[in-house]
Structure formats: structure tokens, C-alpha cells
Amino acid sequence: MKDKRTIINQHDETDEQLKSLSDTSIMLEFSKLLTSIYPHLIKVGTHCYDPYDDISESLFLNFVYSTFSGKYGAIINKHQIHRYGFTLHCYHKINHIEVKPKSFPLTLIASQGQQAILTEEELKDKELIFIAFGDTVNNLSGDPSQVNPETVNFNFTLIAIVDSETGLYFRNAKHHWVANNLIEFELVLEDYNKDEHQYYKQNYYAD
């Protein structure tokens, strides 16, 4: 966990059992949870579009952030987190999950399927932000025509590449996918700034 808070709100106790779990293992347990429940979502027609978004967002809050809260004792306000699957204009001044390569170069996959290579030098002064789990092909936030339920998996992570100082996107930046086994995850706690995050701000870039 990376703690950038100046105002420290803590519970009186932490969960000793959770302390043995890394941030990465907690995040990957959530990808396994999505894998486990997805067949059930298909059966009741909640496997894509708004129903899927509502279920996955709620699960992420209650499974991941609640576990982090128990592990670290941090009081994490549900209105002060980067919500699962959401795109923000700025990923700082809000609690979020950072993604870190296990090694370099790191292979990225664009939404159109093209591969790109990210080197350690290219990542200098940049930060990778967790957006969601998925499979690079199926758009689970889209309508049923954009999803082939038989091929859905959660073996990849959707990331945003932002400026490490400001948390802002670079101009013309795109989201990429990266295989879960190539990365680690870290909770980042920050003082929430309502003025920054009350509204999405168009055309805010680090460059």
C-alpha cells in the first residue's frame, strides 16, 4: 500500500488474517470471483451492459476495498474511490489502484488488438492505473452484440497510462490491456479532492 494521505482516518483494529495477503493477491482474487460468477450472470441476462457494470462495481467496492480497509485499518469512503470500470480525467486526489510491471519490457495490447512494448525508460514519470479486468476482446460494458459469452475471461487488466505527478492523461493517450501474470497491484490512498472529482473535466492533459 502506498499512503499519500495527510489526513489519516483509521479503524481501531486491523484484520490479522488479511495482513498475509498482498495487494496483488487480493486483486487477483477479484478476477477469480468474476470468473466464478460469470456463468450465473449469463443465465439471468446480467452478463453485459448496465446490469454487469452495476454488479461488478458493487462487488469491487465490497470485496476489494472492504478487504483493503480490513487489512490496513484505513477508513475508505465509498464516494472517494476510483470506481471499477470508470474512466476519470485525473487519477490522483482519489483512492485508486496502481499497476506495476514485474519486469520489462512489458507487452501491452490496444483495444484493436495491436501489441505495443513498454520499456522501463518509457514508464519513467508515468503511472499505470487499474481500470478493470477483462479479456481484450469482449466489451462487457457494451450491449449483447459486443459480447461472446463463451469467450469471456478475466485474465487481462485494462490500464490507463497517466502522468505520475498530476495523474492526468497524456494527449491522445489510449487504454491498453496487459496480462495479469505480468503485473502487480498496489492500493494508493490519497486525500480526496471534491473540487477535482465532482465533475469530469474535458481536455485536461499532462502535456
N, C-alpha and C. Protein backbone atom coordinates (compact mmCIF):
# COMPACT_ATOMS: atom_id res chain seq x y z
N MET A 1 0.84 -1.19 0.00
CA MET A 1 0.00 0.00 0.00
C MET A 1 0.88 1.25 0.00
N LYS A 2 0.46 2.21 -0.79
CA LYS A 2 1.16 3.49 -0.85
C LYS A 2 0.24 4.54 -0.22
N ASP A 3 0.67 5.13 0.88
CA ASP A 3 -0.17 6.06 1.63
C ASP A 3 0.31 7.49 1.40
N LYS A 4 -0.49 8.27 0.66
CA LYS A 4 -0.18 9.67 0.38
C LYS A 4 -1.05 10.62 1.19
N ARG A 5 -1.80 10.09 2.13
CA ARG A 5 -2.74 10.91 2.89
C ARG A 5 -2.03 11.86 3.85
N THR A 6 -2.60 13.04 4.01
CA THR A 6 -2.18 13.95 5.08
C THR A 6 -3.18 13.90 6.23
N ILE A 7 -4.42 13.49 5.92
CA ILE A 7 -5.44 13.28 6.94
C ILE A 7 -5.63 11.77 7.08
N ILE A 8 -5.23 11.23 8.21
CA ILE A 8 -5.22 9.78 8.40
C ILE A 8 -6.45 9.35 9.19
N ASN A 9 -7.38 8.70 8.49
CA ASN A 9 -8.58 8.15 9.14
C ASN A 9 -8.42 6.64 9.22
N GLN A 10 -8.40 6.12 10.45
CA GLN A 10 -8.13 4.70 10.65
C GLN A 10 -9.15 4.06 11.56
N HIS A 11 -9.37 2.75 11.35
CA HIS A 11 -10.13 1.94 12.30
C HIS A 11 -9.24 1.66 13.51
N ASP A 12 -9.85 1.27 14.60
CA ASP A 12 -9.08 0.93 15.81
C ASP A 12 -8.33 -0.38 15.64
N GLU A 13 -8.85 -1.28 14.79
CA GLU A 13 -8.24 -2.59 14.64
C GLU A 13 -8.05 -2.94 13.17
N THR A 14 -7.12 -3.85 12.92
CA THR A 14 -6.94 -4.42 11.59
C THR A 14 -7.16 -5.92 11.68
N ASP A 15 -7.38 -6.54 10.52
CA ASP A 15 -7.63 -7.99 10.46
C ASP A 15 -6.29 -8.70 10.26
N GLU A 16 -5.84 -9.42 11.26
CA GLU A 16 -4.54 -10.08 11.20
C GLU A 16 -4.47 -11.09 10.06
N GLN A 17 -5.56 -11.77 9.76
CA GLN A 17 -5.58 -12.76 8.70
C GLN A 17 -5.32 -12.12 7.34
N LEU A 18 -5.83 -10.91 7.14
CA LEU A 18 -5.69 -10.23 5.85
C LEU A 18 -4.27 -9.71 5.63
N LYS A 19 -3.52 -9.51 6.70
CA LYS A 19 -2.17 -8.95 6.56
C LYS A 19 -1.23 -9.87 5.79
N SER A 20 -1.57 -11.16 5.73
CA SER A 20 -0.72 -12.11 5.00
C SER A 20 -0.98 -12.06 3.50
N LEU A 21 -2.04 -11.36 3.09
CA LEU A 21 -2.38 -11.26 1.68
C LEU A 21 -1.77 -10.00 1.08
N SER A 22 -1.10 -10.14 -0.06
CA SER A 22 -0.58 -8.97 -0.76
C SER A 22 -1.70 -8.24 -1.47
N ASP A 23 -1.46 -6.99 -1.83
CA ASP A 23 -2.44 -6.25 -2.62
C ASP A 23 -2.72 -6.97 -3.93
N THR A 24 -1.67 -7.53 -4.51
CA THR A 24 -1.82 -8.25 -5.77
C THR A 24 -2.72 -9.47 -5.61
N SER A 25 -2.53 -10.23 -4.57
CA SER A 25 -3.34 -11.44 -4.38
C SER A 25 -4.80 -11.08 -4.15
N ILE A 26 -5.06 -9.99 -3.46
CA ILE A 26 -6.44 -9.55 -3.23
C ILE A 26 -7.09 -9.17 -4.55
N MET A 27 -6.38 -8.44 -5.38
CA MET A 27 -6.91 -8.05 -6.68
C MET A 27 -7.17 -9.26 -7.57
N LEU A 28 -6.24 -10.20 -7.57
CA LEU A 28 -6.42 -11.39 -8.41
C LEU A 28 -7.55 -12.28 -7.91
N GLU A 29 -7.82 -12.25 -6.61
CA GLU A 29 -8.97 -12.99 -6.10
C GLU A 29 -10.26 -12.41 -6.67
N PHE A 30 -10.26 -11.10 -6.91
CA PHE A 30 -11.45 -10.50 -7.51
C PHE A 30 -11.63 -10.96 -8.95
N SER A 31 -10.53 -11.08 -9.70
CA SER A 31 -10.65 -11.58 -11.08
C SER A 31 -11.17 -13.02 -11.07
N LYS A 32 -10.76 -13.80 -10.09
CA LYS A 32 -11.26 -15.17 -9.96
C LYS A 32 -12.73 -15.18 -9.58
N LEU A 33 -13.13 -14.24 -8.75
CA LEU A 33 -14.54 -14.12 -8.37
C LEU A 33 -15.40 -13.83 -9.60
N LEU A 34 -14.96 -12.90 -10.45
CA LEU A 34 -15.70 -12.60 -11.68
C LEU A 34 -15.79 -13.83 -12.58
N THR A 35 -14.69 -14.57 -12.65
CA THR A 35 -14.69 -15.80 -13.46
C THR A 35 -15.71 -16.79 -12.92
N SER A 36 -15.80 -16.90 -11.61
CA SER A 36 -16.70 -17.87 -10.99
C SER A 36 -18.17 -17.52 -11.20
N ILE A 37 -18.49 -16.24 -11.09
CA ILE A 37 -19.89 -15.85 -11.13
C ILE A 37 -20.40 -15.60 -12.55
N TYR A 38 -19.49 -15.44 -13.53
CA TYR A 38 -19.93 -15.03 -14.85
C TYR A 38 -20.95 -15.99 -15.48
N PRO A 39 -20.77 -17.31 -15.38
CA PRO A 39 -21.80 -18.22 -15.94
C PRO A 39 -23.18 -17.97 -15.34
N HIS A 40 -23.24 -17.59 -14.08
CA HIS A 40 -24.53 -17.31 -13.44
C HIS A 40 -25.12 -16.01 -13.97
N LEU A 41 -24.24 -15.04 -14.26
CA LEU A 41 -24.73 -13.78 -14.84
C LEU A 41 -25.32 -14.02 -16.22
N ILE A 42 -24.70 -14.92 -16.98
CA ILE A 42 -25.21 -15.24 -18.32
C ILE A 42 -26.63 -15.80 -18.22
N LYS A 43 -26.84 -16.71 -17.27
CA LYS A 43 -28.13 -17.38 -17.14
C LYS A 43 -29.27 -16.40 -16.86
N VAL A 44 -28.97 -15.32 -16.14
CA VAL A 44 -30.04 -14.38 -15.79
C VAL A 44 -29.96 -13.09 -16.59
N GLY A 45 -29.10 -13.08 -17.62
CA GLY A 45 -29.04 -11.95 -18.53
C GLY A 45 -28.42 -10.70 -17.97
N THR A 46 -27.52 -10.85 -17.00
CA THR A 46 -26.85 -9.68 -16.41
C THR A 46 -25.35 -9.69 -16.71
N HIS A 47 -24.96 -10.29 -17.84
CA HIS A 47 -23.55 -10.51 -18.15
C HIS A 47 -22.91 -9.39 -18.98
N CYS A 48 -23.67 -8.33 -19.26
CA CYS A 48 -23.10 -7.22 -20.02
C CYS A 48 -23.94 -5.96 -19.79
N TYR A 49 -23.48 -4.87 -20.37
CA TYR A 49 -24.17 -3.57 -20.35
C TYR A 49 -24.38 -3.09 -18.91
N ASP A 50 -25.42 -2.31 -18.66
CA ASP A 50 -25.60 -1.69 -17.34
C ASP A 50 -25.72 -2.70 -16.20
N PRO A 51 -26.43 -3.83 -16.37
CA PRO A 51 -26.51 -4.78 -15.26
C PRO A 51 -25.14 -5.31 -14.83
N TYR A 52 -24.28 -5.63 -15.81
CA TYR A 52 -22.94 -6.11 -15.46
C TYR A 52 -22.14 -5.02 -14.77
N ASP A 53 -22.23 -3.79 -15.28
CA ASP A 53 -21.49 -2.68 -14.67
C ASP A 53 -21.91 -2.48 -13.22
N ASP A 54 -23.22 -2.53 -12.97
CA ASP A 54 -23.72 -2.33 -11.61
C ASP A 54 -23.23 -3.42 -10.67
N ILE A 55 -23.26 -4.67 -11.14
CA ILE A 55 -22.85 -5.80 -10.29
C ILE A 55 -21.35 -5.76 -10.03
N SER A 56 -20.54 -5.58 -11.09
CA SER A 56 -19.08 -5.60 -10.92
C SER A 56 -18.60 -4.43 -10.07
N GLU A 57 -19.21 -3.26 -10.25
CA GLU A 57 -18.81 -2.10 -9.45
C GLU A 57 -19.11 -2.32 -7.97
N SER A 58 -20.30 -2.82 -7.69
CA SER A 58 -20.68 -3.06 -6.30
C SER A 58 -19.80 -4.14 -5.67
N LEU A 59 -19.52 -5.20 -6.42
CA LEU A 59 -18.65 -6.27 -5.91
C LEU A 59 -17.24 -5.75 -5.63
N PHE A 60 -16.72 -4.92 -6.52
CA PHE A 60 -15.37 -4.40 -6.34
C PHE A 60 -15.28 -3.56 -5.07
N LEU A 61 -16.29 -2.73 -4.85
CA LEU A 61 -16.32 -1.92 -3.64
C LEU A 61 -16.35 -2.80 -2.40
N ASN A 62 -17.25 -3.78 -2.39
CA ASN A 62 -17.47 -4.57 -1.19
C ASN A 62 -16.47 -5.70 -1.00
N PHE A 63 -15.88 -6.17 -2.08
CA PHE A 63 -14.89 -7.25 -2.00
C PHE A 63 -13.48 -6.69 -1.85
N VAL A 64 -13.08 -5.82 -2.76
CA VAL A 64 -11.69 -5.34 -2.79
C VAL A 64 -11.45 -4.23 -1.77
N TYR A 65 -12.21 -3.15 -1.85
CA TYR A 65 -11.92 -2.02 -0.96
C TYR A 65 -12.24 -2.36 0.50
N SER A 66 -13.24 -3.17 0.74
CA SER A 66 -13.52 -3.58 2.12
C SER A 66 -12.38 -4.45 2.67
N THR A 67 -11.82 -5.29 1.80
CA THR A 67 -10.68 -6.11 2.22
C THR A 67 -9.46 -5.25 2.51
N PHE A 68 -9.19 -4.28 1.66
CA PHE A 68 -8.08 -3.36 1.90
C PHE A 68 -8.29 -2.60 3.21
N SER A 69 -9.52 -2.19 3.46
CA SER A 69 -9.82 -1.47 4.69
C SER A 69 -9.53 -2.33 5.91
N GLY A 70 -9.92 -3.61 5.83
CA GLY A 70 -9.65 -4.51 6.94
C GLY A 70 -8.17 -4.81 7.10
N LYS A 71 -7.46 -4.89 5.98
CA LYS A 71 -6.03 -5.20 6.03
C LYS A 71 -5.22 -4.06 6.63
N TYR A 72 -5.50 -2.85 6.19
CA TYR A 72 -4.68 -1.70 6.58
C TYR A 72 -5.31 -0.84 7.68
N GLY A 73 -6.58 -1.10 7.99
CA GLY A 73 -7.24 -0.29 9.01
C GLY A 73 -7.68 1.07 8.51
N ALA A 74 -7.56 1.31 7.22
CA ALA A 74 -7.92 2.61 6.66
C ALA A 74 -9.43 2.71 6.49
N ILE A 75 -9.98 3.86 6.84
CA ILE A 75 -11.38 4.13 6.58
C ILE A 75 -11.49 4.66 5.17
N ILE A 76 -12.09 3.86 4.28
CA ILE A 76 -12.16 4.20 2.86
C ILE A 76 -13.60 4.53 2.50
N ASN A 77 -13.86 5.80 2.27
CA ASN A 77 -15.19 6.27 1.91
C ASN A 77 -15.53 5.82 0.49
N LYS A 78 -16.70 5.19 0.33
CA LYS A 78 -17.07 4.67 -0.99
C LYS A 78 -17.27 5.76 -2.03
N HIS A 79 -17.43 7.00 -1.58
CA HIS A 79 -17.58 8.11 -2.50
C HIS A 79 -16.24 8.76 -2.86
N GLN A 80 -15.16 8.19 -2.33
CA GLN A 80 -13.84 8.78 -2.54
C GLN A 80 -12.87 7.78 -3.16
N ILE A 81 -13.42 6.88 -3.97
CA ILE A 81 -12.60 5.88 -4.64
C ILE A 81 -12.79 5.95 -6.15
N HIS A 82 -11.78 5.51 -6.88
CA HIS A 82 -11.93 5.32 -8.32
C HIS A 82 -12.79 4.07 -8.51
N ARG A 83 -13.97 4.24 -9.03
CA ARG A 83 -14.93 3.15 -9.16
C ARG A 83 -14.52 2.20 -10.28
N TYR A 84 -14.84 0.93 -10.07
CA TYR A 84 -14.46 -0.13 -11.01
C TYR A 84 -15.01 0.16 -12.40
N GLY A 85 -14.12 0.12 -13.40
CA GLY A 85 -14.52 0.27 -14.79
C GLY A 85 -14.71 1.70 -15.25
N PHE A 86 -14.56 2.68 -14.35
CA PHE A 86 -14.82 4.07 -14.72
C PHE A 86 -13.55 4.77 -15.22
N THR A 87 -13.74 5.66 -16.17
CA THR A 87 -12.66 6.50 -16.68
C THR A 87 -12.75 7.87 -16.02
N LEU A 88 -11.66 8.32 -15.45
CA LEU A 88 -11.58 9.64 -14.84
C LEU A 88 -10.68 10.55 -15.67
N HIS A 89 -10.81 11.85 -15.48
CA HIS A 89 -9.87 12.75 -16.16
C HIS A 89 -8.55 12.82 -15.39
N CYS A 90 -8.63 12.53 -14.09
CA CYS A 90 -7.45 12.58 -13.21
C CYS A 90 -7.56 11.45 -12.20
N TYR A 91 -6.46 10.73 -11.99
CA TYR A 91 -6.47 9.58 -11.09
C TYR A 91 -5.75 9.84 -9.77
N HIS A 92 -5.36 11.09 -9.54
CA HIS A 92 -4.81 11.47 -8.25
C HIS A 92 -5.87 12.21 -7.45
N LYS A 93 -5.59 12.45 -6.18
CA LYS A 93 -6.53 13.10 -5.27
C LYS A 93 -7.79 12.26 -5.10
N ILE A 94 -7.62 10.95 -5.22
CA ILE A 94 -8.69 9.98 -5.06
C ILE A 94 -8.03 8.63 -4.80
N ASN A 95 -8.67 7.76 -4.01
CA ASN A 95 -8.10 6.44 -3.76
C ASN A 95 -8.20 5.59 -5.03
N HIS A 96 -7.10 4.91 -5.38
CA HIS A 96 -7.07 4.14 -6.62
C HIS A 96 -6.10 2.97 -6.51
N ILE A 97 -6.02 2.19 -7.57
CA ILE A 97 -5.12 1.03 -7.62
C ILE A 97 -4.06 1.28 -8.68
N GLU A 98 -2.81 1.18 -8.29
CA GLU A 98 -1.70 1.33 -9.24
C GLU A 98 -1.25 -0.04 -9.73
N VAL A 99 -0.86 -0.10 -10.99
CA VAL A 99 -0.36 -1.32 -11.61
C VAL A 99 1.14 -1.18 -11.83
N LYS A 100 1.89 -2.23 -11.49
CA LYS A 100 3.35 -2.18 -11.63
C LYS A 100 3.85 -3.40 -12.40
N PRO A 101 4.65 -3.19 -13.45
CA PRO A 101 5.20 -4.33 -14.19
C PRO A 101 6.13 -5.16 -13.31
N LYS A 102 6.06 -6.49 -13.48
CA LYS A 102 7.01 -7.35 -12.78
C LYS A 102 8.39 -7.26 -13.40
N SER A 103 8.42 -7.01 -14.71
CA SER A 103 9.70 -6.88 -15.43
C SER A 103 9.46 -6.10 -16.71
N PHE A 104 10.54 -5.73 -17.34
CA PHE A 104 10.48 -5.00 -18.61
C PHE A 104 11.24 -5.78 -19.68
N PRO A 105 10.86 -5.57 -20.96
CA PRO A 105 9.75 -4.74 -21.44
C PRO A 105 8.41 -5.39 -21.14
N LEU A 106 7.36 -4.55 -21.08
CA LEU A 106 6.01 -5.02 -20.79
C LEU A 106 5.18 -4.98 -22.06
N THR A 107 4.54 -6.11 -22.38
CA THR A 107 3.71 -6.19 -23.58
C THR A 107 2.31 -5.67 -23.29
N LEU A 108 1.87 -4.70 -24.09
CA LEU A 108 0.55 -4.13 -23.97
C LEU A 108 -0.28 -4.49 -25.20
N ILE A 109 -1.58 -4.55 -25.04
CA ILE A 109 -2.48 -4.83 -26.15
C ILE A 109 -3.51 -3.71 -26.25
N ALA A 110 -3.57 -3.07 -27.40
CA ALA A 110 -4.54 -2.00 -27.62
C ALA A 110 -5.92 -2.58 -27.86
N SER A 111 -6.95 -1.72 -27.81
CA SER A 111 -8.31 -2.19 -27.97
C SER A 111 -8.56 -2.81 -29.34
N GLN A 112 -7.77 -2.42 -30.34
CA GLN A 112 -7.91 -3.00 -31.68
C GLN A 112 -7.08 -4.27 -31.86
N GLY A 113 -6.38 -4.67 -30.81
CA GLY A 113 -5.62 -5.91 -30.84
C GLY A 113 -4.14 -5.75 -31.13
N GLN A 114 -3.69 -4.54 -31.49
CA GLN A 114 -2.28 -4.35 -31.78
C GLN A 114 -1.45 -4.42 -30.49
N GLN A 115 -0.26 -4.98 -30.62
CA GLN A 115 0.63 -5.07 -29.47
C GLN A 115 1.60 -3.90 -29.45
N ALA A 116 1.95 -3.48 -28.24
CA ALA A 116 2.94 -2.44 -28.05
C ALA A 116 3.86 -2.88 -26.91
N ILE A 117 5.06 -2.34 -26.90
CA ILE A 117 6.05 -2.69 -25.88
C ILE A 117 6.34 -1.45 -25.05
N LEU A 118 6.23 -1.59 -23.74
CA LEU A 118 6.52 -0.51 -22.82
C LEU A 118 7.84 -0.80 -22.11
N THR A 119 8.81 0.09 -22.27
CA THR A 119 10.11 -0.09 -21.64
C THR A 119 10.17 0.64 -20.30
N GLU A 120 11.16 0.31 -19.52
CA GLU A 120 11.33 0.98 -18.22
C GLU A 120 11.58 2.46 -18.41
N GLU A 121 12.31 2.83 -19.43
CA GLU A 121 12.58 4.23 -19.71
C GLU A 121 11.31 4.97 -20.08
N GLU A 122 10.43 4.32 -20.86
CA GLU A 122 9.18 4.94 -21.29
C GLU A 122 8.21 5.13 -20.12
N LEU A 123 8.34 4.29 -19.11
CA LEU A 123 7.45 4.39 -17.95
C LEU A 123 7.93 5.44 -16.95
N LYS A 124 9.14 5.93 -17.14
CA LYS A 124 9.68 6.96 -16.25
C LYS A 124 8.74 8.16 -16.23
N ASP A 125 8.39 8.63 -15.03
CA ASP A 125 7.49 9.77 -14.84
C ASP A 125 6.06 9.46 -15.24
N LYS A 126 5.73 8.17 -15.37
CA LYS A 126 4.37 7.77 -15.70
C LYS A 126 3.88 6.77 -14.65
N GLU A 127 2.57 6.62 -14.58
CA GLU A 127 1.95 5.69 -13.64
C GLU A 127 0.89 4.89 -14.38
N LEU A 128 0.79 3.61 -14.09
CA LEU A 128 -0.23 2.75 -14.69
C LEU A 128 -1.37 2.59 -13.68
N ILE A 129 -2.60 2.87 -14.13
CA ILE A 129 -3.77 2.85 -13.26
C ILE A 129 -4.69 1.70 -13.64
N PHE A 130 -5.14 0.94 -12.65
CA PHE A 130 -6.09 -0.15 -12.88
C PHE A 130 -7.46 0.41 -13.21
N ILE A 131 -8.08 -0.13 -14.29
CA ILE A 131 -9.43 0.24 -14.66
C ILE A 131 -10.40 -0.93 -14.42
N ALA A 132 -10.07 -2.11 -14.98
CA ALA A 132 -10.97 -3.25 -14.88
C ALA A 132 -10.26 -4.52 -15.33
N PHE A 133 -10.88 -5.66 -15.06
CA PHE A 133 -10.43 -6.94 -15.59
C PHE A 133 -11.27 -7.32 -16.80
N GLY A 134 -10.67 -8.06 -17.73
CA GLY A 134 -11.40 -8.50 -18.92
C GLY A 134 -10.54 -9.37 -19.80
N ASP A 135 -10.86 -9.40 -21.10
CA ASP A 135 -10.16 -10.35 -21.99
C ASP A 135 -9.65 -9.73 -23.29
N THR A 136 -9.65 -8.42 -23.41
CA THR A 136 -9.13 -7.65 -24.56
C THR A 136 -10.09 -7.60 -25.74
N VAL A 137 -11.10 -8.47 -25.79
CA VAL A 137 -11.97 -8.55 -26.96
C VAL A 137 -13.41 -8.15 -26.63
N ASN A 138 -13.97 -8.80 -25.63
CA ASN A 138 -15.38 -8.57 -25.30
C ASN A 138 -15.57 -7.29 -24.50
N ASN A 139 -16.50 -6.47 -24.95
CA ASN A 139 -16.82 -5.22 -24.25
C ASN A 139 -17.99 -5.48 -23.31
N LEU A 140 -17.68 -5.80 -22.06
CA LEU A 140 -18.73 -6.19 -21.12
C LEU A 140 -19.61 -5.02 -20.73
N SER A 141 -19.14 -3.80 -20.95
CA SER A 141 -19.97 -2.62 -20.68
C SER A 141 -20.85 -2.28 -21.87
N GLY A 142 -20.69 -3.00 -22.99
CA GLY A 142 -21.48 -2.76 -24.18
C GLY A 142 -22.73 -3.63 -24.21
N ASP A 143 -23.45 -3.54 -25.31
CA ASP A 143 -24.67 -4.34 -25.43
C ASP A 143 -24.32 -5.78 -25.82
N PRO A 144 -25.29 -6.69 -25.81
CA PRO A 144 -25.01 -8.11 -26.07
C PRO A 144 -24.32 -8.39 -27.40
N SER A 145 -24.50 -7.53 -28.39
CA SER A 145 -23.87 -7.75 -29.69
C SER A 145 -22.35 -7.61 -29.61
N GLN A 146 -21.84 -7.01 -28.54
CA GLN A 146 -20.40 -6.80 -28.37
C GLN A 146 -19.77 -7.84 -27.46
N VAL A 147 -20.54 -8.87 -27.10
CA VAL A 147 -20.05 -9.88 -26.16
C VAL A 147 -20.36 -11.28 -26.69
N ASN A 148 -19.32 -12.11 -26.72
CA ASN A 148 -19.50 -13.54 -26.97
C ASN A 148 -19.28 -14.25 -25.63
N PRO A 149 -20.34 -14.60 -24.93
CA PRO A 149 -20.21 -15.14 -23.58
C PRO A 149 -19.28 -16.34 -23.47
N GLU A 150 -19.17 -17.13 -24.54
CA GLU A 150 -18.34 -18.34 -24.49
C GLU A 150 -16.85 -18.02 -24.44
N THR A 151 -16.46 -16.83 -24.83
CA THR A 151 -15.04 -16.48 -24.86
C THR A 151 -14.63 -15.52 -23.75
N VAL A 152 -15.57 -15.06 -22.94
CA VAL A 152 -15.26 -14.09 -21.89
C VAL A 152 -14.34 -14.71 -20.85
N ASN A 153 -13.31 -13.98 -20.48
CA ASN A 153 -12.46 -14.36 -19.35
C ASN A 153 -11.94 -13.09 -18.70
N PHE A 154 -11.25 -13.24 -17.59
CA PHE A 154 -10.78 -12.07 -16.83
C PHE A 154 -9.28 -12.18 -16.56
N ASN A 155 -8.56 -12.60 -17.58
CA ASN A 155 -7.12 -12.85 -17.47
C ASN A 155 -6.26 -11.64 -17.81
N PHE A 156 -6.91 -10.53 -18.14
CA PHE A 156 -6.18 -9.32 -18.50
C PHE A 156 -6.68 -8.14 -17.68
N THR A 157 -5.83 -7.13 -17.59
CA THR A 157 -6.16 -5.90 -16.87
C THR A 157 -6.16 -4.72 -17.83
N LEU A 158 -7.21 -3.93 -17.77
CA LEU A 158 -7.28 -2.69 -18.55
C LEU A 158 -6.62 -1.59 -17.74
N ILE A 159 -5.68 -0.86 -18.37
CA ILE A 159 -4.92 0.17 -17.66
C ILE A 159 -5.00 1.51 -18.38
N ALA A 160 -4.83 2.56 -17.60
CA ALA A 160 -4.61 3.90 -18.13
C ALA A 160 -3.17 4.28 -17.83
N ILE A 161 -2.52 4.96 -18.76
CA ILE A 161 -1.16 5.45 -18.56
C ILE A 161 -1.24 6.96 -18.33
N VAL A 162 -0.84 7.40 -17.14
CA VAL A 162 -1.00 8.81 -16.77
C VAL A 162 0.31 9.38 -16.24
N ASP A 163 0.33 10.68 -16.10
CA ASP A 163 1.49 11.37 -15.56
C ASP A 163 1.61 11.08 -14.06
N SER A 164 2.77 10.70 -13.61
CA SER A 164 2.94 10.31 -12.21
C SER A 164 2.85 11.49 -11.25
N GLU A 165 3.04 12.70 -11.75
CA GLU A 165 2.99 13.88 -10.88
C GLU A 165 1.56 14.41 -10.75
N THR A 166 0.82 14.42 -11.85
CA THR A 166 -0.51 15.03 -11.84
C THR A 166 -1.66 14.02 -11.88
N GLY A 167 -1.39 12.82 -12.35
CA GLY A 167 -2.45 11.84 -12.52
C GLY A 167 -3.30 12.06 -13.74
N LEU A 168 -2.87 12.95 -14.63
CA LEU A 168 -3.62 13.27 -15.84
C LEU A 168 -3.15 12.42 -17.01
N TYR A 169 -4.08 12.20 -17.96
CA TYR A 169 -3.73 11.53 -19.20
C TYR A 169 -2.79 12.41 -20.02
N PHE A 170 -2.06 11.75 -20.92
CA PHE A 170 -1.32 12.46 -21.95
C PHE A 170 -2.23 12.62 -23.17
N ARG A 171 -2.02 13.68 -23.91
CA ARG A 171 -2.86 13.95 -25.07
C ARG A 171 -2.85 12.76 -26.03
N ASN A 172 -4.02 12.37 -26.49
CA ASN A 172 -4.21 11.25 -27.42
C ASN A 172 -3.86 9.89 -26.82
N ALA A 173 -3.78 9.82 -25.49
CA ALA A 173 -3.48 8.54 -24.83
C ALA A 173 -4.65 7.58 -24.96
N LYS A 174 -4.36 6.30 -25.02
CA LYS A 174 -5.38 5.26 -25.11
C LYS A 174 -5.21 4.27 -23.98
N HIS A 175 -6.28 3.57 -23.67
CA HIS A 175 -6.20 2.48 -22.70
C HIS A 175 -5.57 1.26 -23.36
N HIS A 176 -4.91 0.43 -22.55
CA HIS A 176 -4.31 -0.80 -23.03
C HIS A 176 -4.64 -1.94 -22.09
N TRP A 177 -4.52 -3.15 -22.61
CA TRP A 177 -4.66 -4.36 -21.81
C TRP A 177 -3.28 -4.95 -21.54
N VAL A 178 -3.15 -5.60 -20.39
CA VAL A 178 -1.91 -6.31 -20.06
C VAL A 178 -2.29 -7.58 -19.32
N ALA A 179 -1.57 -8.67 -19.58
CA ALA A 179 -1.86 -9.95 -18.94
C ALA A 179 -1.65 -9.85 -17.42
N ASN A 180 -2.57 -10.43 -16.67
CA ASN A 180 -2.49 -10.34 -15.20
C ASN A 180 -1.19 -10.90 -14.64
N ASN A 181 -0.64 -11.93 -15.30
CA ASN A 181 0.56 -12.57 -14.74
C ASN A 181 1.83 -11.75 -14.96
N LEU A 182 1.71 -10.61 -15.65
CA LEU A 182 2.88 -9.77 -15.92
C LEU A 182 2.98 -8.58 -14.97
N ILE A 183 1.99 -8.41 -14.09
CA ILE A 183 1.92 -7.19 -13.29
C ILE A 183 1.61 -7.48 -11.83
N GLU A 184 1.82 -6.45 -11.03
CA GLU A 184 1.43 -6.46 -9.63
C GLU A 184 0.53 -5.25 -9.38
N PHE A 185 -0.20 -5.28 -8.26
CA PHE A 185 -1.14 -4.22 -7.94
C PHE A 185 -0.79 -3.62 -6.58
N GLU A 186 -1.08 -2.33 -6.44
CA GLU A 186 -0.84 -1.68 -5.15
C GLU A 186 -1.93 -0.64 -4.88
N LEU A 187 -2.54 -0.73 -3.71
CA LEU A 187 -3.50 0.26 -3.28
C LEU A 187 -2.79 1.59 -3.03
N VAL A 188 -3.39 2.68 -3.52
CA VAL A 188 -2.86 4.02 -3.28
C VAL A 188 -3.94 4.83 -2.58
N LEU A 189 -3.66 5.27 -1.36
CA LEU A 189 -4.60 6.09 -0.61
C LEU A 189 -4.17 7.56 -0.70
N GLU A 190 -5.13 8.42 -1.03
CA GLU A 190 -4.85 9.85 -1.16
C GLU A 190 -5.96 10.65 -0.51
N ASP A 191 -5.65 11.88 -0.14
CA ASP A 191 -6.69 12.80 0.32
C ASP A 191 -7.62 13.10 -0.84
N TYR A 192 -8.91 12.93 -0.62
CA TYR A 192 -9.90 13.16 -1.68
C TYR A 192 -10.11 14.65 -1.89
N ASN A 193 -10.14 15.06 -3.16
CA ASN A 193 -10.38 16.46 -3.51
C ASN A 193 -11.70 16.54 -4.27
N LYS A 194 -12.73 17.03 -3.61
CA LYS A 194 -14.06 17.10 -4.22
C LYS A 194 -14.08 18.01 -5.43
N ASP A 195 -13.37 19.13 -5.36
CA ASP A 195 -13.34 20.07 -6.49
C ASP A 195 -12.77 19.41 -7.74
N GLU A 196 -11.81 18.52 -7.55
CA GLU A 196 -11.19 17.83 -8.68
C GLU A 196 -12.12 16.79 -9.28
N HIS A 197 -12.85 16.09 -8.42
CA HIS A 197 -13.56 14.89 -8.89
C HIS A 197 -15.08 14.99 -8.88
N GLN A 198 -15.62 16.16 -8.57
CA GLN A 198 -17.07 16.29 -8.61
C GLN A 198 -17.62 16.14 -10.03
N TYR A 199 -16.82 16.62 -11.00
CA TYR A 199 -17.22 16.53 -12.40
C TYR A 199 -16.04 16.07 -13.24
N TYR A 200 -16.36 15.39 -14.35
CA TYR A 200 -15.34 15.03 -15.33
C TYR A 200 -14.94 16.29 -16.08
N LYS A 201 -13.64 16.55 -16.18
CA LYS A 201 -13.15 17.77 -16.81
C LYS A 201 -12.56 17.42 -18.17
N GLN A 202 -13.15 17.97 -19.20
CA GLN A 202 -12.70 17.72 -20.56
C GLN A 202 -11.39 18.45 -20.85
N ASN A 203 -10.58 17.82 -21.70
CA ASN A 203 -9.37 18.47 -22.25
C ASN A 203 -8.37 18.89 -21.18
N TYR A 204 -8.25 18.07 -20.11
CA TYR A 204 -7.20 18.25 -19.12
C TYR A 204 -6.12 17.22 -19.41
N TYR A 205 -4.93 17.68 -19.75
CA TYR A 205 -3.85 16.76 -20.11
C TYR A 205 -2.56 17.15 -19.40
N ALA A 206 -1.70 16.17 -19.22
CA ALA A 206 -0.41 16.44 -18.60
C ALA A 206 0.54 17.15 -19.55
N ASP A 207 0.29 17.02 -20.86
CA ASP A 207 1.17 17.66 -21.83
C ASP A 207 0.40 18.69 -22.67
